[in-house]
Amino acid sequence: MANMTYCAAENTRNAMNQLLDLIESGNKNDVFEEEAPYNTEAMAIEDISYLAKELSNACTNLIDKYGN
């Protein structure tokens, strides 16, 4: 389900905190044991790793340009 634009950052932050808690507690360690095509959670984590770097750059640029 897509986020509404007015709360996309807030909802994404909450989802990122939830996933970070799961990873740090070891609750995602087993996702890399799955074989294709059942390793969708592992593939999503790999995608998130890349996207988080891109999002960090975009947020930094936005803050630098429009932030306080």
N, C-alpha and C. Protein backbone atom coordinates (compact mmCIF):
# COMPACT_ATOMS: atom_id res chain seq x y z
N MET A 1 0.85 -1.17 0.00
CA MET A 1 0.00 0.00 0.00
C MET A 1 0.90 1.24 0.00
N ALA A 2 0.60 2.16 -0.83
CA ALA A 2 1.39 3.38 -0.95
C ALA A 2 1.08 4.34 0.19
N ASN A 3 2.07 5.14 0.53
CA ASN A 3 1.88 6.18 1.55
C ASN A 3 1.20 7.38 0.94
N MET A 4 0.41 8.07 1.75
CA MET A 4 -0.13 9.35 1.34
C MET A 4 1.02 10.34 1.36
N THR A 5 1.06 11.25 0.42
CA THR A 5 2.21 12.14 0.30
C THR A 5 2.40 13.00 1.54
N TYR A 6 1.33 13.36 2.23
CA TYR A 6 1.47 14.23 3.39
C TYR A 6 2.11 13.53 4.59
N CYS A 7 2.17 12.20 4.59
CA CYS A 7 2.76 11.50 5.72
C CYS A 7 3.74 10.41 5.28
N ALA A 8 4.22 10.49 4.06
CA ALA A 8 5.12 9.46 3.54
C ALA A 8 6.39 9.34 4.36
N ALA A 9 6.99 10.47 4.73
CA ALA A 9 8.24 10.42 5.50
C ALA A 9 7.99 9.83 6.89
N GLU A 10 6.91 10.25 7.53
CA GLU A 10 6.60 9.74 8.87
C GLU A 10 6.34 8.24 8.84
N ASN A 11 5.53 7.78 7.89
CA ASN A 11 5.23 6.35 7.78
C ASN A 11 6.47 5.54 7.43
N THR A 12 7.30 6.08 6.55
CA THR A 12 8.52 5.38 6.16
C THR A 12 9.47 5.29 7.34
N ARG A 13 9.61 6.38 8.11
CA ARG A 13 10.45 6.35 9.30
C ARG A 13 10.00 5.26 10.26
N ASN A 14 8.70 5.15 10.48
CA ASN A 14 8.17 4.13 11.38
C ASN A 14 8.46 2.72 10.87
N ALA A 15 8.29 2.51 9.57
CA ALA A 15 8.57 1.20 8.99
C ALA A 15 10.06 0.87 9.06
N MET A 16 10.90 1.88 8.83
CA MET A 16 12.34 1.67 8.91
C MET A 16 12.76 1.32 10.34
N ASN A 17 12.18 2.00 11.33
CA ASN A 17 12.48 1.68 12.73
C ASN A 17 12.05 0.26 13.08
N GLN A 18 10.89 -0.16 12.58
CA GLN A 18 10.41 -1.52 12.83
C GLN A 18 11.37 -2.54 12.22
N LEU A 19 11.78 -2.33 10.98
CA LEU A 19 12.69 -3.26 10.32
C LEU A 19 14.05 -3.27 11.00
N LEU A 20 14.54 -2.11 11.39
CA LEU A 20 15.82 -2.03 12.09
C LEU A 20 15.77 -2.82 13.39
N ASP A 21 14.69 -2.69 14.14
CA ASP A 21 14.54 -3.46 15.38
C ASP A 21 14.56 -4.96 15.10
N LEU A 22 13.87 -5.39 14.05
CA LEU A 22 13.84 -6.81 13.70
C LEU A 22 15.23 -7.33 13.32
N ILE A 23 15.94 -6.54 12.54
CA ILE A 23 17.29 -6.95 12.11
C ILE A 23 18.23 -7.00 13.30
N GLU A 24 18.21 -5.96 14.13
CA GLU A 24 19.12 -5.90 15.27
C GLU A 24 18.83 -6.98 16.31
N SER A 25 17.60 -7.45 16.39
CA SER A 25 17.25 -8.50 17.34
C SER A 25 17.47 -9.90 16.77
N GLY A 26 17.89 -9.97 15.50
CA GLY A 26 18.18 -11.26 14.88
C GLY A 26 16.98 -11.93 14.24
N ASN A 27 15.85 -11.24 14.19
CA ASN A 27 14.63 -11.84 13.66
C ASN A 27 14.58 -11.89 12.13
N LYS A 28 15.63 -11.44 11.47
CA LYS A 28 15.67 -11.51 10.01
C LYS A 28 16.85 -12.35 9.52
N ASN A 29 17.60 -12.94 10.45
CA ASN A 29 18.79 -13.70 10.06
C ASN A 29 18.49 -14.86 9.13
N ASP A 30 17.34 -15.48 9.30
CA ASP A 30 17.02 -16.68 8.53
C ASP A 30 16.53 -16.41 7.11
N VAL A 31 16.27 -15.17 6.76
CA VAL A 31 15.71 -14.90 5.42
C VAL A 31 16.71 -15.23 4.32
N PHE A 32 17.99 -15.27 4.64
CA PHE A 32 18.99 -15.56 3.62
C PHE A 32 19.20 -17.06 3.42
N GLU A 33 18.46 -17.87 4.16
CA GLU A 33 18.52 -19.32 3.99
C GLU A 33 17.57 -19.81 2.91
N GLU A 34 16.62 -18.99 2.53
CA GLU A 34 15.63 -19.36 1.52
C GLU A 34 16.25 -19.38 0.13
N GLU A 35 15.77 -20.25 -0.71
CA GLU A 35 16.21 -20.35 -2.10
C GLU A 35 15.21 -19.62 -3.00
N ALA A 36 15.71 -19.13 -4.13
CA ALA A 36 14.82 -18.50 -5.12
C ALA A 36 13.79 -19.53 -5.56
N PRO A 37 12.59 -19.18 -5.81
CA PRO A 37 11.97 -17.86 -5.82
C PRO A 37 11.35 -17.48 -4.48
N TYR A 38 11.70 -18.18 -3.41
CA TYR A 38 11.08 -17.94 -2.10
C TYR A 38 11.88 -16.97 -1.22
N ASN A 39 12.92 -16.38 -1.77
CA ASN A 39 13.78 -15.49 -0.99
C ASN A 39 13.40 -14.03 -1.18
N THR A 40 12.14 -13.75 -1.29
CA THR A 40 11.69 -12.39 -1.55
C THR A 40 12.06 -11.43 -0.42
N GLU A 41 12.04 -11.90 0.83
CA GLU A 41 12.39 -11.03 1.95
C GLU A 41 13.89 -10.68 1.90
N ALA A 42 14.73 -11.63 1.56
CA ALA A 42 16.17 -11.36 1.42
C ALA A 42 16.42 -10.37 0.29
N MET A 43 15.73 -10.56 -0.82
CA MET A 43 15.90 -9.64 -1.95
C MET A 43 15.42 -8.24 -1.56
N ALA A 44 14.34 -8.15 -0.79
CA ALA A 44 13.84 -6.85 -0.35
C ALA A 44 14.85 -6.17 0.56
N ILE A 45 15.49 -6.91 1.44
CA ILE A 45 16.50 -6.33 2.33
C ILE A 45 17.68 -5.82 1.53
N GLU A 46 18.09 -6.56 0.52
CA GLU A 46 19.18 -6.09 -0.36
C GLU A 46 18.77 -4.82 -1.08
N ASP A 47 17.55 -4.76 -1.58
CA ASP A 47 17.05 -3.56 -2.25
C ASP A 47 17.00 -2.38 -1.29
N ILE A 48 16.54 -2.63 -0.07
CA ILE A 48 16.44 -1.56 0.93
C ILE A 48 17.83 -1.01 1.25
N SER A 49 18.83 -1.86 1.30
CA SER A 49 20.19 -1.40 1.57
C SER A 49 20.62 -0.37 0.53
N TYR A 50 20.34 -0.65 -0.73
CA TYR A 50 20.67 0.29 -1.81
C TYR A 50 19.79 1.54 -1.73
N LEU A 51 18.49 1.34 -1.59
CA LEU A 51 17.56 2.47 -1.57
C LEU A 51 17.78 3.38 -0.38
N ALA A 52 18.19 2.83 0.76
CA ALA A 52 18.45 3.64 1.94
C ALA A 52 19.59 4.62 1.69
N LYS A 53 20.59 4.18 0.96
CA LYS A 53 21.70 5.08 0.62
C LYS A 53 21.22 6.19 -0.30
N GLU A 54 20.41 5.84 -1.29
CA GLU A 54 19.86 6.83 -2.21
C GLU A 54 18.94 7.81 -1.48
N LEU A 55 18.10 7.28 -0.59
CA LEU A 55 17.19 8.12 0.17
C LEU A 55 17.97 9.05 1.10
N SER A 56 19.03 8.55 1.70
CA SER A 56 19.85 9.38 2.57
C SER A 56 20.43 10.56 1.80
N ASN A 57 20.93 10.30 0.61
CA ASN A 57 21.47 11.39 -0.23
C ASN A 57 20.38 12.39 -0.60
N ALA A 58 19.21 11.90 -0.99
CA ALA A 58 18.11 12.79 -1.37
C ALA A 58 17.64 13.63 -0.18
N CYS A 59 17.55 13.02 0.99
CA CYS A 59 17.13 13.76 2.19
C CYS A 59 18.16 14.81 2.56
N THR A 60 19.42 14.45 2.50
CA THR A 60 20.49 15.42 2.80
C THR A 60 20.42 16.60 1.86
N ASN A 61 20.23 16.35 0.58
CA ASN A 61 20.12 17.42 -0.40
C ASN A 61 18.91 18.30 -0.12
N LEU A 62 17.78 17.70 0.24
CA LEU A 62 16.57 18.45 0.56
C LEU A 62 16.78 19.32 1.79
N ILE A 63 17.40 18.74 2.82
CA ILE A 63 17.67 19.51 4.04
C ILE A 63 18.63 20.66 3.76
N ASP A 64 19.68 20.37 3.00
CA ASP A 64 20.64 21.43 2.67
C ASP A 64 20.00 22.57 1.90
N LYS A 65 19.05 22.24 1.02
CA LYS A 65 18.44 23.25 0.17
C LYS A 65 17.31 23.99 0.86
N TYR A 66 16.47 23.28 1.62
CA TYR A 66 15.26 23.89 2.17
C TYR A 66 15.18 23.86 3.70
N GLY A 67 16.06 23.15 4.35
CA GLY A 67 15.98 23.00 5.81
C GLY A 67 16.43 24.23 6.54
N ASN A 68 16.27 24.17 7.82
CA ASN A 68 16.65 25.30 8.68
C ASN A 68 18.13 25.35 8.91
